[in-house]
Protein backbone atom coordinates (compact mmCIF):
# COMPACT_ATOMS: atom_id res chain seq x y z
CA MET A 1 5.59 -9.87 136.59
CA ASP A 2 4.20 -9.02 133.00
CA ASP A 3 2.44 -11.98 131.76
CA THR A 4 1.07 -10.79 128.58
CA ALA A 5 2.21 -12.65 125.67
CA PRO A 6 3.27 -10.97 122.43
CA ARG A 7 0.52 -11.24 119.99
CA CYS A 8 2.75 -11.92 116.93
CA GLU A 9 0.46 -11.29 114.23
CA ASP A 10 3.12 -11.55 111.48
CA ARG A 11 3.37 -15.38 111.98
CA GLY A 12 1.42 -17.84 109.82
CA LYS A 13 -1.43 -16.78 107.44
CA GLY A 14 -3.56 -14.01 108.45
CA ASP A 15 -7.38 -14.63 108.77
CA GLU A 16 -10.46 -12.49 109.52
CA HIS A 17 -10.35 -13.39 113.22
CA ALA A 18 -6.84 -12.27 113.76
CA ASP A 19 -7.62 -8.77 115.52
CA ARG A 20 -10.42 -10.45 117.60
CA TYR A 21 -7.97 -12.13 120.08
CA ARG A 22 -5.43 -11.12 122.63
CA THR A 23 -3.07 -13.65 124.46
CA ARG A 24 -1.64 -13.92 127.92
CA LEU A 25 0.61 -16.48 129.55
CA LEU A 26 -1.03 -18.91 132.25
CA SER A 27 0.26 -17.83 135.47
CA THR A 28 -1.29 -17.55 138.95
CA GLU A 29 -2.82 -14.24 137.62
CA THR A 30 -4.60 -15.90 134.86
CA TRP A 31 -5.31 -19.39 136.57
CA ASP A 32 -9.00 -18.46 137.32
CA ASP A 33 -9.66 -17.89 133.56
CA PHE A 34 -7.88 -21.00 132.60
CA ALA A 35 -9.75 -22.97 135.23
CA GLU A 36 -12.97 -21.66 134.15
CA LEU A 37 -12.44 -22.60 130.56
CA VAL A 38 -11.33 -26.26 131.67
CA GLU A 39 -14.54 -26.60 133.96
CA GLU A 40 -16.78 -25.52 131.25
CA ASN A 41 -15.43 -28.17 128.96
CA ASN A 42 -15.88 -31.28 131.33
CA GLY A 43 -12.35 -31.04 132.68
CA VAL A 44 -10.96 -31.38 129.12
CA TRP A 45 -11.27 -34.99 127.82
CA GLY A 46 -12.89 -36.00 131.06
CA GLY A 47 -10.40 -34.51 133.57
CA CYS A 48 -7.10 -34.12 132.08
CA TRP A 49 -6.77 -30.53 132.98
CA CYS A 50 -3.67 -30.46 130.46
CA MET A 51 -1.47 -32.57 132.53
CA GLY A 52 -0.95 -35.34 130.02
CA PHE A 53 2.23 -33.98 128.62
CA HIS A 54 3.84 -33.09 131.92
CA PRO A 55 6.35 -35.39 133.57
CA GLU A 56 4.00 -36.24 136.22
CA GLY A 57 1.37 -37.48 133.70
CA LEU A 58 -2.36 -38.01 134.34
CA ASP A 59 -3.67 -39.09 137.61
CA GLN A 60 -6.39 -41.75 136.48
CA GLU A 61 -8.02 -41.78 139.82
CA THR A 62 -9.56 -38.39 140.24
CA ARG A 63 -10.16 -35.35 138.20
CA GLY A 64 -9.36 -33.27 141.25
CA ALA A 65 -5.90 -34.58 141.49
CA ASN A 66 -5.23 -33.37 137.81
CA ARG A 67 -6.36 -30.01 138.78
CA ALA A 68 -4.49 -29.70 141.87
CA ASN A 69 -1.32 -30.88 140.17
CA LYS A 70 -1.56 -28.35 137.46
CA GLN A 71 -2.32 -25.48 139.85
CA GLU A 72 0.71 -26.54 141.82
CA LEU A 73 2.98 -26.42 138.68
CA VAL A 74 1.66 -22.96 137.73
CA ARG A 75 2.26 -21.90 141.27
CA LYS A 76 5.90 -23.13 140.96
CA GLY A 77 6.28 -21.15 137.56
CA ALA A 78 6.82 -24.54 135.85
CA VAL A 79 4.31 -24.20 133.07
CA HIS A 80 4.54 -22.45 129.78
CA GLN A 81 1.07 -22.07 128.25
CA ILE A 82 -0.60 -19.43 126.02
CA LEU A 83 -4.07 -18.42 126.80
CA VAL A 84 -6.19 -16.89 123.98
CA TYR A 85 -8.94 -14.50 125.07
CA ASP A 86 -12.05 -13.30 122.93
CA GLY A 87 -12.83 -10.15 124.94
CA GLY A 88 -12.68 -11.09 128.52
CA GLU A 89 -13.26 -14.74 128.09
CA CYS A 90 -10.56 -17.28 127.91
CA VAL A 91 -11.30 -19.56 124.89
CA GLY A 92 -8.11 -21.73 124.20
CA TRP A 93 -4.56 -22.39 124.69
CA CYS A 94 -1.34 -23.62 123.48
CA GLN A 95 0.94 -25.42 125.91
CA PHE A 96 4.72 -25.36 125.19
CA GLY A 97 8.18 -25.88 126.91
CA GLY A 98 11.47 -27.54 127.08
CA PRO A 99 11.80 -31.33 126.73
CA ALA A 100 11.81 -31.73 130.35
CA GLU A 101 8.60 -29.89 130.86
CA ILE A 102 6.73 -31.51 127.87
CA ALA A 103 8.21 -34.79 128.60
CA ARG A 104 5.36 -37.02 127.43
CA ILE A 105 4.40 -36.94 123.90
CA LYS A 106 2.23 -39.28 121.73
CA ASN A 107 4.07 -42.23 120.15
CA GLN A 108 6.88 -41.86 122.42
CA LYS A 109 8.56 -45.22 121.93
CA THR A 110 8.72 -44.70 118.15
CA TYR A 111 9.75 -41.16 118.55
CA GLU A 112 12.70 -42.10 120.78
CA SER A 113 13.76 -44.92 118.43
CA GLY A 114 14.26 -42.36 115.54
CA ARG A 115 15.65 -39.43 117.81
CA VAL A 116 18.89 -37.85 116.61
CA ASP A 117 18.57 -34.82 119.05
CA LEU A 118 16.26 -32.91 121.40
CA PRO A 119 14.65 -29.86 120.19
CA ASP A 120 15.12 -26.78 122.47
CA TRP A 121 11.27 -26.39 122.67
CA ARG A 122 8.20 -28.60 122.33
CA ILE A 123 4.48 -27.61 121.64
CA GLY A 124 2.27 -30.03 123.42
CA CYS A 125 -1.59 -29.65 123.82
CA ILE A 126 -3.61 -27.16 121.78
CA PHE A 127 -7.33 -26.72 122.94
CA THR A 128 -10.31 -24.57 121.82
CA GLY A 129 -13.35 -24.27 123.87
CA SER A 130 -16.63 -25.61 122.81
CA GLY A 131 -18.49 -22.92 120.76
CA HIS A 132 -15.30 -21.15 119.67
CA ARG A 133 -13.85 -23.68 117.14
CA ARG A 134 -13.16 -22.85 113.57
CA ALA A 135 -12.58 -19.21 114.32
CA GLY A 136 -8.97 -18.93 114.44
CA VAL A 137 -8.34 -19.52 118.10
CA ALA A 138 -5.66 -22.26 117.71
CA ARG A 139 -3.91 -20.26 115.15
CA ALA A 140 -3.78 -17.33 117.70
CA ALA A 141 -2.53 -19.76 120.51
CA VAL A 142 0.29 -21.12 118.32
CA ALA A 143 1.33 -17.57 116.95
CA GLY A 144 1.49 -16.53 120.73
CA ALA A 145 3.54 -19.60 121.82
CA LEU A 146 6.03 -18.92 119.03
CA ALA A 147 6.24 -15.33 119.90
CA ALA A 148 6.94 -16.24 123.42
CA ILE A 149 9.77 -18.66 122.51
CA GLU A 150 11.31 -15.97 120.41
CA ASP A 151 11.34 -13.64 123.30
CA ALA A 152 12.86 -16.33 125.47
CA GLY A 153 15.80 -16.75 123.00
CA GLY A 154 14.39 -18.94 120.25
CA GLY A 155 15.75 -22.20 119.09
CA THR A 156 14.46 -25.41 117.43
CA VAL A 157 10.65 -26.14 118.00
CA GLU A 158 8.95 -29.52 117.66
CA ALA A 159 5.39 -30.04 117.18
CA TYR A 160 3.51 -33.57 116.76
CA PRO A 161 0.47 -32.98 114.68
CA GLU A 162 -1.69 -35.22 112.80
CA GLN A 163 -2.03 -35.70 109.11
CA GLU A 164 -5.17 -34.56 107.38
CA ALA A 165 -4.25 -35.23 103.63
CA GLU A 166 -5.02 -38.41 102.14
CA ARG A 167 -7.15 -39.55 105.04
CA ALA A 168 -10.90 -40.11 105.58
CA PRO A 169 -12.73 -37.25 107.36
CA GLN A 170 -12.43 -37.60 110.94
CA ARG A 171 -16.07 -36.87 112.25
CA GLY A 172 -16.01 -35.68 115.75
CA ALA A 173 -12.55 -36.07 116.17
CA TYR A 174 -10.37 -33.45 117.62
CA PHE A 175 -6.70 -33.18 117.17
CA HIS A 176 -5.45 -32.13 120.47
CA THR A 177 -1.75 -31.75 119.11
CA GLY A 178 -3.20 -29.85 116.17
CA PRO A 179 -3.50 -30.71 112.44
CA GLU A 180 -0.37 -30.63 110.22
CA SER A 181 -1.86 -27.88 108.08
CA LEU A 182 -1.85 -25.66 110.88
CA PHE A 183 1.82 -25.92 111.46
CA GLU A 184 2.72 -25.68 107.86
CA GLU A 185 1.35 -22.16 108.10
CA PHE A 186 4.09 -21.33 110.52
CA GLY A 187 6.89 -22.74 108.55
CA PHE A 188 7.06 -26.14 110.23
CA THR A 189 8.25 -28.99 108.03
CA ARG A 190 8.15 -32.72 108.39
CA ASP A 191 10.88 -34.39 110.26
CA ARG A 192 9.79 -37.98 110.49
CA ARG A 193 6.63 -40.12 110.78
CA ILE A 194 6.02 -41.52 114.30
CA ALA A 195 2.48 -43.16 113.64
CA LYS A 196 0.40 -43.79 110.55
CA TRP A 197 -0.98 -40.22 110.71
CA ARG A 198 1.19 -38.42 113.09
CA TRP A 199 4.53 -36.50 112.31
CA VAL A 200 7.32 -34.77 114.04
CA MET A 201 7.46 -31.28 112.59
CA ARG A 202 10.15 -28.71 113.14
CA THR A 203 11.05 -25.15 112.78
CA THR A 204 13.55 -22.83 113.91
CA VAL A 205 12.59 -19.50 115.77
CA GLY A 206 15.07 -16.57 115.72
CA ARG A 207 16.39 -14.69 118.75
CA ARG A 208 14.93 -11.20 119.22
CA PRO A 209 17.41 -8.37 119.96
CA GLY A 210 18.27 -8.00 123.64
CA THR A 211 17.45 -11.73 124.62
CA ALA A 212 19.84 -14.26 125.71
CA PRO A 213 20.73 -17.01 123.15
CA GLY A 214 19.80 -20.64 123.76
CA SER A 215 17.80 -20.02 126.73
CA ARG A 216 16.20 -23.60 126.60
CA THR A 217 13.98 -24.25 129.54
CA ALA A 218 15.04 -27.81 130.00
């Protein structure tokens, strides 16, 4: 299986870091790279292992359970996640998937109360490892995810970022669903507000020649 994700340099604004990174899909072949990044960052938020958006959710008892659950999903091929590499080191990711895969989102009750239809795809967690932030990793991760979605047939894509404008600086805060400004770079627009500082944002990704239309994963 070719697990190399398209780099998609033409999406979003360019920056001086664009040629620095390559991307690959999270798979059994890249699991060790992903695991090393998570372990170097305290399990990510104390042991999440990027399970919070999956239907299973977080195991609150042990960090090891979250690790095992994530690895089992990867083994089953039930995870869509772009890993970003700086040289040979995995430095970040962008999680994506259909609504059944990215089943838990922030402010879900409010989201459901105003929902008209489901998207084809959702973007969940975006993470950049300590020591690599503010260097374009998140941008490369989102670009890779959108390219993979395009390769899979495209469709409507939702993200759930936090608003930065008109807000006091968030010292020490880390927006694990990304800042609104990042998604604006990729053509996402506001659909509706689901919390004081959180928005549903949407864009439509086209279909690449030779791919089947409407290949929603869930």
